[in-house]
Structures are given as structure tokens and as C-alpha cells.
Amino acid sequence: MAVVLSKQGRTFASRPRAREVFGEALASPGASAVTIDASDVYMSPSFIAETLVILVKEMGFRRVVVRGARDHPAQVTQHLAEKFGFADRVEVEQPALPTT
């Protein structure tokens, strides 16, 4: 399953926004992995934190891949995954894709 954030805007800066984006839309039975395309968007630390909680803790995804995040959000994602105990389930693919 894949989610392309840029289709829903360019700035993702709050916990409520994470609930909007990932709420019930991803509730597919049997899905174990999700890829988030974060190319060409800004994600705040609070958005990232809530996203990880929703996807890993609440929805039970076994694998969450964040692809194309800028340097700082990528570092924040890795840090929060470790802090929350999700490091074995969250992967950050770098570098961010070049914008055209």
C-alpha cells in the first residue's frame, strides 16, 4: 500500500493533520506494509510522531517505509522510531528525490 503525500498538499504540520491523512483511509484488512512518499513536502515532528503512532501502534503495520523525505524530517523519523520502540518496523529511504 502506498500513500503519496503531495497529492494532499505540501505542508503537514500537526497531529490532527496526520489523523486526516492516515485515519480510516488505510484501514485495509490484511495489509502489513505501507510506503509513504514524502517527496516535495514538509513534515513537522508532531506530524511524523502521530503518523508513526497511527500506523504502527494503532493500525499494526509491520513495515512503514518513508521515502524521499528531506534530511531533517528523515532524521526526526528515525529518531522517533527508535524512541517509540518502532525502529525494527520503520525504514527511511534516502536521499530525497530531486524536485523538478
N, C-alpha and C. Protein backbone atom coordinates (compact mmCIF):
# COMPACT_ATOMS: atom_id res chain seq x y z
N MET A 1 0.85 -1.16 0.00
CA MET A 1 0.00 0.00 0.00
C MET A 1 0.90 1.23 0.00
N ALA A 2 0.52 2.25 -0.75
CA ALA A 2 1.33 3.46 -0.83
C ALA A 2 0.47 4.70 -0.64
N VAL A 3 1.06 5.70 0.02
CA VAL A 3 0.40 6.99 0.22
C VAL A 3 1.35 8.06 -0.30
N VAL A 4 0.87 8.87 -1.24
CA VAL A 4 1.66 9.96 -1.80
C VAL A 4 1.16 11.25 -1.15
N LEU A 5 1.97 11.80 -0.25
CA LEU A 5 1.54 12.98 0.50
C LEU A 5 1.30 14.19 -0.38
N SER A 6 2.10 14.39 -1.42
CA SER A 6 1.98 15.60 -2.23
C SER A 6 0.63 15.71 -2.93
N LYS A 7 -0.10 14.62 -3.03
CA LYS A 7 -1.45 14.67 -3.61
C LYS A 7 -2.44 15.35 -2.67
N GLN A 8 -2.02 15.52 -1.39
CA GLN A 8 -2.92 16.09 -0.39
C GLN A 8 -2.42 17.42 0.16
N GLY A 9 -1.41 18.00 -0.48
CA GLY A 9 -0.88 19.28 -0.02
C GLY A 9 0.63 19.24 0.02
N ARG A 10 1.21 20.32 0.52
CA ARG A 10 2.67 20.42 0.59
C ARG A 10 3.18 20.53 2.02
N THR A 11 2.29 20.87 2.97
CA THR A 11 2.71 21.06 4.35
C THR A 11 1.86 20.17 5.26
N PHE A 12 2.56 19.40 6.08
CA PHE A 12 1.90 18.51 7.03
C PHE A 12 2.51 18.81 8.39
N ALA A 13 1.79 19.61 9.17
CA ALA A 13 2.42 20.20 10.35
C ALA A 13 1.69 19.98 11.66
N SER A 14 0.79 19.03 11.73
CA SER A 14 0.12 18.85 13.01
C SER A 14 -0.36 17.41 13.19
N ARG A 15 -0.60 17.08 14.44
CA ARG A 15 -1.13 15.75 14.76
C ARG A 15 -2.52 15.55 14.16
N PRO A 16 -3.40 16.54 14.25
CA PRO A 16 -4.72 16.35 13.62
C PRO A 16 -4.63 16.11 12.12
N ARG A 17 -3.66 16.73 11.46
CA ARG A 17 -3.49 16.52 10.02
C ARG A 17 -3.09 15.07 9.74
N ALA A 18 -2.28 14.48 10.61
CA ALA A 18 -1.91 13.07 10.45
C ALA A 18 -3.15 12.20 10.55
N ARG A 19 -4.03 12.52 11.47
CA ARG A 19 -5.28 11.76 11.60
C ARG A 19 -6.13 11.89 10.34
N GLU A 20 -6.15 13.09 9.75
CA GLU A 20 -6.89 13.29 8.50
C GLU A 20 -6.32 12.41 7.39
N VAL A 21 -5.02 12.43 7.26
CA VAL A 21 -4.36 11.74 6.15
C VAL A 21 -4.40 10.23 6.32
N PHE A 22 -4.12 9.75 7.52
CA PHE A 22 -3.96 8.31 7.72
C PHE A 22 -5.09 7.63 8.47
N GLY A 23 -6.06 8.40 8.93
CA GLY A 23 -7.17 7.84 9.70
C GLY A 23 -7.73 6.55 9.17
N GLU A 24 -8.91 6.58 8.67
CA GLU A 24 -9.57 5.36 8.21
C GLU A 24 -9.18 4.97 6.80
N ALA A 25 -8.51 5.85 6.08
CA ALA A 25 -8.16 5.57 4.69
C ALA A 25 -7.29 4.33 4.52
N LEU A 26 -6.49 4.01 5.52
CA LEU A 26 -5.58 2.88 5.40
C LEU A 26 -6.08 1.63 6.10
N ALA A 27 -7.28 1.65 6.56
CA ALA A 27 -7.80 0.51 7.30
C ALA A 27 -8.16 -0.64 6.36
N SER A 28 -7.15 -1.19 5.67
CA SER A 28 -7.42 -2.33 4.81
C SER A 28 -7.04 -3.61 5.53
N PRO A 29 -7.96 -4.51 5.59
CA PRO A 29 -7.66 -5.76 6.26
C PRO A 29 -6.53 -6.51 5.55
N GLY A 30 -5.62 -7.03 6.31
CA GLY A 30 -4.56 -7.84 5.75
C GLY A 30 -3.32 -7.10 5.29
N ALA A 31 -3.38 -5.79 5.17
CA ALA A 31 -2.19 -5.04 4.74
C ALA A 31 -1.17 -5.04 5.87
N SER A 32 0.09 -5.34 5.53
CA SER A 32 1.11 -5.37 6.57
C SER A 32 2.18 -4.31 6.37
N ALA A 33 2.18 -3.66 5.20
CA ALA A 33 3.21 -2.66 4.91
C ALA A 33 2.58 -1.45 4.24
N VAL A 34 3.18 -0.30 4.50
CA VAL A 34 2.76 0.93 3.85
C VAL A 34 4.00 1.74 3.51
N THR A 35 3.98 2.36 2.33
CA THR A 35 5.05 3.24 1.91
C THR A 35 4.49 4.65 1.82
N ILE A 36 5.19 5.59 2.43
CA ILE A 36 4.78 6.98 2.40
C ILE A 36 5.76 7.73 1.51
N ASP A 37 5.26 8.29 0.43
CA ASP A 37 6.09 9.10 -0.45
C ASP A 37 6.04 10.53 0.07
N ALA A 38 7.14 10.96 0.69
CA ALA A 38 7.21 12.29 1.30
C ALA A 38 7.98 13.28 0.42
N SER A 39 8.16 12.94 -0.84
CA SER A 39 8.88 13.81 -1.78
C SER A 39 8.15 15.13 -1.94
N ASP A 40 8.91 16.20 -1.89
CA ASP A 40 8.39 17.54 -2.18
C ASP A 40 7.35 18.03 -1.18
N VAL A 41 7.44 17.56 0.07
CA VAL A 41 6.53 18.05 1.12
C VAL A 41 7.33 18.37 2.38
N TYR A 42 6.71 19.13 3.26
CA TYR A 42 7.28 19.41 4.58
C TYR A 42 6.48 18.65 5.62
N MET A 43 7.16 17.91 6.49
CA MET A 43 6.50 17.19 7.59
C MET A 43 7.09 17.68 8.91
N SER A 44 6.24 18.13 9.80
CA SER A 44 6.71 18.58 11.11
C SER A 44 6.96 17.37 12.02
N PRO A 45 7.75 17.56 13.08
CA PRO A 45 7.96 16.47 14.04
C PRO A 45 6.65 15.95 14.64
N SER A 46 5.70 16.83 14.92
CA SER A 46 4.44 16.35 15.51
C SER A 46 3.64 15.51 14.51
N PHE A 47 3.67 15.89 13.25
CA PHE A 47 3.00 15.10 12.21
C PHE A 47 3.66 13.72 12.10
N ILE A 48 4.98 13.70 12.09
CA ILE A 48 5.71 12.44 11.99
C ILE A 48 5.41 11.54 13.18
N ALA A 49 5.44 12.10 14.38
CA ALA A 49 5.18 11.32 15.59
C ALA A 49 3.79 10.69 15.54
N GLU A 50 2.80 11.48 15.21
CA GLU A 50 1.43 10.97 15.17
C GLU A 50 1.28 9.93 14.06
N THR A 51 1.92 10.16 12.94
CA THR A 51 1.87 9.20 11.83
C THR A 51 2.41 7.84 12.26
N LEU A 52 3.55 7.83 12.95
CA LEU A 52 4.13 6.58 13.39
C LEU A 52 3.23 5.87 14.39
N VAL A 53 2.64 6.61 15.31
CA VAL A 53 1.74 6.01 16.30
C VAL A 53 0.51 5.41 15.60
N ILE A 54 -0.07 6.16 14.68
CA ILE A 54 -1.25 5.67 13.96
C ILE A 54 -0.91 4.39 13.19
N LEU A 55 0.15 4.44 12.40
CA LEU A 55 0.45 3.32 11.50
C LEU A 55 0.97 2.09 12.22
N VAL A 56 1.88 2.28 13.17
CA VAL A 56 2.49 1.12 13.82
C VAL A 56 1.68 0.64 15.02
N LYS A 57 1.39 1.54 15.92
CA LYS A 57 0.72 1.13 17.17
C LYS A 57 -0.77 0.86 16.97
N GLU A 58 -1.46 1.79 16.33
CA GLU A 58 -2.91 1.65 16.21
C GLU A 58 -3.35 0.72 15.09
N MET A 59 -2.72 0.86 13.91
CA MET A 59 -3.14 0.05 12.76
C MET A 59 -2.35 -1.23 12.61
N GLY A 60 -1.23 -1.33 13.32
CA GLY A 60 -0.47 -2.57 13.35
C GLY A 60 0.34 -2.89 12.10
N PHE A 61 0.71 -1.88 11.32
CA PHE A 61 1.55 -2.16 10.16
C PHE A 61 2.88 -2.71 10.65
N ARG A 62 3.36 -3.74 10.00
CA ARG A 62 4.63 -4.36 10.37
C ARG A 62 5.81 -3.65 9.73
N ARG A 63 5.53 -2.93 8.64
CA ARG A 63 6.61 -2.22 7.95
C ARG A 63 6.07 -0.89 7.44
N VAL A 64 6.76 0.18 7.81
CA VAL A 64 6.43 1.52 7.34
C VAL A 64 7.70 2.07 6.69
N VAL A 65 7.59 2.42 5.41
CA VAL A 65 8.72 2.97 4.67
C VAL A 65 8.40 4.43 4.34
N VAL A 66 9.28 5.31 4.76
CA VAL A 66 9.14 6.73 4.42
C VAL A 66 10.17 7.02 3.34
N ARG A 67 9.68 7.38 2.17
CA ARG A 67 10.54 7.54 1.01
C ARG A 67 10.61 9.01 0.60
N GLY A 68 11.82 9.48 0.32
CA GLY A 68 12.00 10.81 -0.26
C GLY A 68 11.87 11.97 0.70
N ALA A 69 11.92 11.71 2.01
CA ALA A 69 11.82 12.81 2.97
C ALA A 69 13.08 13.67 2.93
N ARG A 70 12.93 14.93 3.21
CA ARG A 70 14.09 15.82 3.30
C ARG A 70 14.94 15.39 4.50
N ASP A 71 16.16 15.93 4.58
CA ASP A 71 17.10 15.48 5.61
C ASP A 71 16.57 15.57 7.03
N HIS A 72 16.08 16.73 7.43
CA HIS A 72 15.63 16.88 8.82
C HIS A 72 14.44 15.98 9.15
N PRO A 73 13.38 15.97 8.34
CA PRO A 73 12.28 15.04 8.65
C PRO A 73 12.73 13.57 8.63
N ALA A 74 13.66 13.23 7.78
CA ALA A 74 14.16 11.85 7.76
C ALA A 74 14.86 11.51 9.07
N GLN A 75 15.68 12.45 9.57
CA GLN A 75 16.36 12.24 10.85
C GLN A 75 15.36 12.17 12.00
N VAL A 76 14.37 13.03 11.96
CA VAL A 76 13.33 13.02 13.01
C VAL A 76 12.57 11.69 12.97
N THR A 77 12.26 11.21 11.79
CA THR A 77 11.55 9.93 11.67
C THR A 77 12.36 8.80 12.29
N GLN A 78 13.64 8.74 11.97
CA GLN A 78 14.49 7.69 12.54
C GLN A 78 14.58 7.81 14.06
N HIS A 79 14.76 9.04 14.55
CA HIS A 79 14.86 9.27 15.99
C HIS A 79 13.57 8.84 16.70
N LEU A 80 12.43 9.26 16.17
CA LEU A 80 11.16 8.93 16.82
C LEU A 80 10.87 7.44 16.75
N ALA A 81 11.22 6.80 15.65
CA ALA A 81 11.01 5.35 15.56
C ALA A 81 11.80 4.63 16.64
N GLU A 82 13.03 5.07 16.87
CA GLU A 82 13.84 4.47 17.93
C GLU A 82 13.25 4.78 19.30
N LYS A 83 12.86 6.03 19.51
CA LYS A 83 12.31 6.45 20.80
C LYS A 83 11.04 5.68 21.15
N PHE A 84 10.19 5.45 20.15
CA PHE A 84 8.92 4.76 20.39
C PHE A 84 9.06 3.23 20.38
N GLY A 85 10.25 2.73 20.06
CA GLY A 85 10.45 1.29 20.00
C GLY A 85 9.98 0.68 18.70
N PHE A 86 9.90 1.47 17.64
CA PHE A 86 9.43 1.01 16.34
C PHE A 86 10.56 0.86 15.33
N ALA A 87 11.80 0.98 15.76
CA ALA A 87 12.93 1.03 14.82
C ALA A 87 12.99 -0.19 13.90
N ASP A 88 12.54 -1.33 14.37
CA ASP A 88 12.57 -2.54 13.54
C ASP A 88 11.44 -2.56 12.52
N ARG A 89 10.51 -1.61 12.61
CA ARG A 89 9.36 -1.60 11.70
C ARG A 89 9.33 -0.38 10.79
N VAL A 90 10.20 0.60 11.03
CA VAL A 90 10.20 1.84 10.27
C VAL A 90 11.53 1.98 9.52
N GLU A 91 11.42 2.28 8.23
CA GLU A 91 12.60 2.44 7.39
C GLU A 91 12.49 3.78 6.66
N VAL A 92 13.60 4.49 6.60
CA VAL A 92 13.65 5.76 5.88
C VAL A 92 14.57 5.58 4.69
N GLU A 93 14.02 5.79 3.51
CA GLU A 93 14.80 5.68 2.29
C GLU A 93 15.27 7.07 1.89
N GLN A 94 16.57 7.23 1.76
CA GLN A 94 17.18 8.50 1.41
C GLN A 94 18.05 8.28 0.19
N PRO A 95 18.45 9.29 -0.50
CA PRO A 95 18.16 10.69 -0.25
C PRO A 95 16.79 11.07 -0.82
N ALA A 96 16.39 12.27 -0.48
CA ALA A 96 15.13 12.77 -1.03
C ALA A 96 15.27 12.85 -2.54
N LEU A 97 14.17 12.62 -3.21
CA LEU A 97 14.17 12.70 -4.67
C LEU A 97 14.34 14.15 -5.10
N PRO A 98 15.10 14.38 -6.16
CA PRO A 98 15.27 15.77 -6.63
C PRO A 98 13.95 16.33 -7.14
N THR A 99 13.71 17.60 -6.85
CA THR A 99 12.49 18.23 -7.35
C THR A 99 12.77 18.81 -8.72
N THR A 100 11.78 18.78 -9.57
CA THR A 100 11.96 19.31 -10.93
C THR A 100 11.05 20.47 -11.18
